[in-house]
Amino acid sequence: MSEEDPDAELLERVGNQDPAAVREMVARKLPRLLALATRMLGDRDEASDIAQETFVRIWKHASRWRWGQARFDTWLHRVALNLCYDRLRRRQETLSVDDVAEPIDPLPLPDEQIDEGERRERISAALAALPARQREALVLQYYQELSNIEAAALMGISVDALESLLSRARRNLRGLLAGACGEHLNVKERR
């Protein structure tokens, strides 16, 4: 067992089928798993399914966990990401800008303050429109707060490749957000 892994003792207890450890593991890991899956899939219900399946896999494999090969959190994120990609493949659709639903409420006039909920909705829609690998890189670094080294390892790429993905993702995200704002402003001007 690794002293460096903060989840070592808890995972050992889960492997011994300790109900309190299972509850603690869920309390500790569920918010981040839901956030990751929601951002990858754009659907809270599907994210809940992914989190549930991830926990089922933890419970099944906790007693056989091999310390030293990877940190538990790294494995946990990889399982959740793989399940997200499986779900996206099953959808048999490619996310594009045309697939993103327009927000129900138009943007307020430029002199009006933008509601935080509307801003989050636009960012979520733009994030969903990114290519999957770019979205994964952004989610891991910005939302899951992983270092470049950790995110690159999870994605199975070099740090340089991750930085390139992040650069393209940020550029595409800015373009999508600018395009969304411009479209809404043009609609307002025509009224």
Protein backbone atom coordinates (compact mmCIF):
# COMPACT_ATOMS: atom_id res chain seq x y z
CA MET A 1 0.00 0.00 0.00
CA SER A 2 1.30 3.46 -0.85
CA GLU A 3 1.70 6.11 1.85
CA GLU A 4 1.55 8.77 -0.88
CA ASP A 5 -1.98 7.98 -1.98
CA PRO A 6 -4.51 9.74 0.28
CA ASP A 7 -7.18 7.19 -0.64
CA ALA A 8 -5.17 4.08 0.27
CA GLU A 9 -6.65 3.42 3.70
CA LEU A 10 -10.19 4.20 2.56
CA LEU A 11 -9.94 1.96 -0.49
CA GLU A 12 -8.63 -0.88 1.66
CA ARG A 13 -11.68 -0.49 3.92
CA VAL A 14 -13.98 -0.49 0.86
CA GLY A 15 -12.24 -3.68 -0.31
CA ASN A 16 -13.05 -5.21 3.09
CA GLN A 17 -16.72 -4.34 2.47
CA ASP A 18 -16.91 -1.76 5.27
CA PRO A 19 -20.28 0.04 4.75
CA ALA A 20 -19.03 3.22 6.43
CA ALA A 21 -16.05 3.29 4.05
CA VAL A 22 -18.35 2.95 1.06
CA ARG A 23 -20.43 5.90 2.27
CA GLU A 24 -17.28 7.94 2.88
CA MET A 25 -15.92 7.08 -0.58
CA VAL A 26 -19.16 8.19 -2.21
CA ALA A 27 -19.23 11.40 -0.17
CA ARG A 28 -15.60 12.13 -1.04
CA LYS A 29 -15.64 11.29 -4.75
CA LEU A 30 -19.20 11.79 -6.01
CA PRO A 31 -19.13 15.58 -6.53
CA ARG A 32 -16.02 15.44 -8.73
CA LEU A 33 -17.26 12.42 -10.68
CA LEU A 34 -20.59 14.11 -11.35
CA ALA A 35 -18.85 17.32 -12.42
CA LEU A 36 -16.53 15.43 -14.77
CA ALA A 37 -19.27 13.34 -16.36
CA THR A 38 -21.70 16.26 -16.63
CA ARG A 39 -19.14 18.38 -18.43
CA MET A 40 -18.16 15.53 -20.74
CA LEU A 41 -21.72 14.47 -21.57
CA GLY A 42 -23.71 17.65 -21.06
CA ASP A 43 -26.46 15.70 -19.29
CA ARG A 44 -26.84 15.44 -15.51
CA ASP A 45 -28.90 12.23 -15.65
CA GLU A 46 -26.33 10.46 -17.81
CA ALA A 47 -23.60 11.80 -15.51
CA SER A 48 -25.37 10.18 -12.55
CA ASP A 49 -25.41 6.86 -14.42
CA ILE A 50 -21.67 7.20 -15.11
CA ALA A 51 -20.92 7.98 -11.46
CA GLN A 52 -22.98 5.00 -10.32
CA GLU A 53 -21.21 2.64 -12.71
CA THR A 54 -17.83 4.03 -11.61
CA PHE A 55 -18.66 3.29 -7.97
CA VAL A 56 -19.80 -0.22 -8.88
CA ARG A 57 -16.39 -0.78 -10.46
CA ILE A 58 -14.64 0.59 -7.38
CA TRP A 59 -16.54 -1.83 -5.15
CA LYS A 60 -15.81 -4.77 -7.46
CA HIS A 61 -12.09 -4.03 -7.77
CA ALA A 62 -11.17 -2.41 -4.44
CA SER A 63 -9.89 -5.62 -2.86
CA ARG A 64 -7.65 -6.33 -5.87
CA TRP A 65 -6.23 -2.80 -6.23
CA ARG A 66 -2.47 -2.87 -6.94
CA TRP A 67 -0.75 0.05 -5.28
CA GLY A 68 2.21 1.67 -6.94
CA GLN A 69 0.96 1.38 -10.53
CA ALA A 70 -1.17 4.53 -10.39
CA ARG A 71 -2.82 6.75 -7.85
CA PHE A 72 -6.37 5.71 -7.07
CA ASP A 73 -7.74 9.10 -8.18
CA THR A 74 -6.02 8.72 -11.55
CA TRP A 75 -7.63 5.33 -12.08
CA LEU A 76 -11.00 6.67 -10.92
CA HIS A 77 -10.89 9.53 -13.45
CA ARG A 78 -9.81 7.15 -16.23
CA VAL A 79 -12.72 4.79 -15.50
CA ALA A 80 -15.21 7.67 -15.52
CA LEU A 81 -13.75 9.10 -18.74
CA ASN A 82 -13.87 5.70 -20.46
CA LEU A 83 -17.50 5.30 -19.44
CA CYS A 84 -18.25 8.80 -20.79
CA TYR A 85 -16.64 7.96 -24.12
CA ASP A 86 -18.60 4.71 -24.29
CA ARG A 87 -21.79 6.70 -23.72
CA LEU A 88 -20.84 9.26 -26.38
CA ARG A 89 -20.12 6.48 -28.89
CA ARG A 90 -23.50 4.90 -28.17
CA ARG A 91 -25.20 8.15 -28.96
CA GLN A 92 -23.80 7.72 -32.49
CA GLU A 93 -23.63 11.38 -33.07
CA THR A 94 -20.90 13.90 -33.53
CA LEU A 95 -21.29 17.02 -31.48
CA SER A 96 -21.02 20.13 -33.60
CA VAL A 97 -22.03 23.74 -33.24
CA ASP A 98 -25.30 22.92 -35.07
CA ASP A 99 -26.17 20.28 -32.43
CA VAL A 100 -26.03 22.72 -29.53
CA ALA A 101 -29.45 23.96 -28.51
CA GLU A 102 -29.82 27.70 -28.35
CA PRO A 103 -30.45 29.12 -24.91
CA ILE A 104 -34.14 29.62 -24.23
CA ASP A 105 -33.72 33.25 -23.17
CA PRO A 106 -31.89 35.60 -25.54
CA LEU A 107 -28.91 37.50 -24.18
CA PRO A 108 -29.73 40.77 -22.50
CA LEU A 109 -28.86 44.00 -24.28
CA PRO A 110 -25.18 44.95 -24.04
CA ASP A 111 -25.87 47.50 -21.32
CA GLU A 112 -27.65 44.88 -19.17
CA GLN A 113 -25.73 42.65 -16.79
CA ILE A 114 -25.46 39.03 -17.88
CA ASP A 115 -27.03 36.60 -15.46
CA GLU A 116 -24.57 34.04 -14.08
CA GLY A 117 -26.90 31.19 -15.06
CA GLU A 118 -27.01 32.35 -18.67
CA ARG A 119 -23.22 32.67 -18.74
CA ARG A 120 -22.83 29.11 -17.43
CA GLU A 121 -25.36 27.86 -19.97
CA ARG A 122 -23.43 29.46 -22.86
CA ILE A 123 -20.14 28.05 -21.59
CA SER A 124 -21.67 24.58 -21.19
CA ALA A 125 -23.09 24.70 -24.71
CA ALA A 126 -19.77 25.87 -26.15
CA LEU A 127 -17.89 23.20 -24.18
CA ALA A 128 -20.25 20.52 -25.51
CA ALA A 129 -19.57 21.72 -29.07
CA LEU A 130 -15.82 21.15 -28.77
CA PRO A 131 -14.23 17.99 -30.14
CA ALA A 132 -14.21 15.31 -27.43
CA ARG A 133 -10.43 15.30 -26.81
CA GLN A 134 -10.32 19.10 -26.49
CA ARG A 135 -13.28 19.01 -24.10
CA GLU A 136 -11.59 16.26 -22.07
CA ALA A 137 -8.37 18.28 -21.77
CA LEU A 138 -10.23 21.40 -20.60
CA VAL A 139 -12.41 19.51 -18.15
CA LEU A 140 -9.47 17.70 -16.59
CA GLN A 141 -7.32 20.79 -16.21
CA TYR A 142 -9.79 23.54 -15.39
CA TYR A 143 -12.74 21.81 -13.77
CA GLN A 144 -11.08 18.77 -12.21
CA GLU A 145 -8.04 20.90 -11.33
CA LEU A 146 -5.51 18.30 -12.40
CA SER A 147 -1.97 19.34 -13.22
CA ASN A 148 -0.80 19.13 -16.83
CA ILE A 149 1.25 16.07 -15.91
CA GLU A 150 -1.76 14.30 -14.31
CA ALA A 151 -4.14 15.24 -17.13
CA ALA A 152 -1.66 14.14 -19.81
CA ALA A 153 -1.14 10.81 -18.04
CA LEU A 154 -4.90 10.25 -17.82
CA MET A 155 -5.31 11.00 -21.50
CA GLY A 156 -2.33 8.84 -22.47
CA ILE A 157 -0.51 11.71 -24.20
CA SER A 158 2.58 13.81 -23.59
CA VAL A 159 2.44 17.09 -21.69
CA ASP A 160 3.32 18.90 -24.94
CA ALA A 161 0.39 17.23 -26.71
CA LEU A 162 -1.90 18.19 -23.83
CA GLU A 163 -0.76 21.81 -24.00
CA SER A 164 -1.42 21.82 -27.74
CA LEU A 165 -4.92 20.39 -27.16
CA LEU A 166 -5.57 23.00 -24.47
CA SER A 167 -4.44 25.80 -26.75
CA ARG A 168 -6.75 24.64 -29.57
CA ALA A 169 -9.59 24.06 -27.10
CA ARG A 170 -9.30 27.56 -25.61
CA ARG A 171 -9.15 29.12 -29.08
CA ASN A 172 -12.20 27.12 -30.25
CA LEU A 173 -14.08 27.90 -27.03
CA ARG A 174 -13.40 31.63 -27.43
CA GLY A 175 -14.63 31.45 -31.03
CA LEU A 176 -17.78 29.58 -30.06
CA LEU A 177 -18.54 32.00 -27.24
CA ALA A 178 -17.84 35.04 -29.42
CA GLY A 179 -20.02 33.58 -32.18
CA ALA A 180 -22.86 32.91 -29.74
CA CYS A 181 -22.68 36.46 -28.39
CA GLY A 182 -22.55 37.91 -31.90
CA GLU A 183 -25.54 35.87 -33.07
CA HIS A 184 -27.63 36.99 -30.12
CA LEU A 185 -26.60 40.62 -30.58
CA ASN A 186 -27.52 40.49 -34.27
CA VAL A 187 -30.95 39.12 -33.37
CA LYS A 188 -31.43 42.00 -30.90
CA GLU A 189 -30.34 44.58 -33.52
CA ARG A 190 -32.90 43.28 -36.05
CA ARG A 191 -35.79 43.66 -33.60
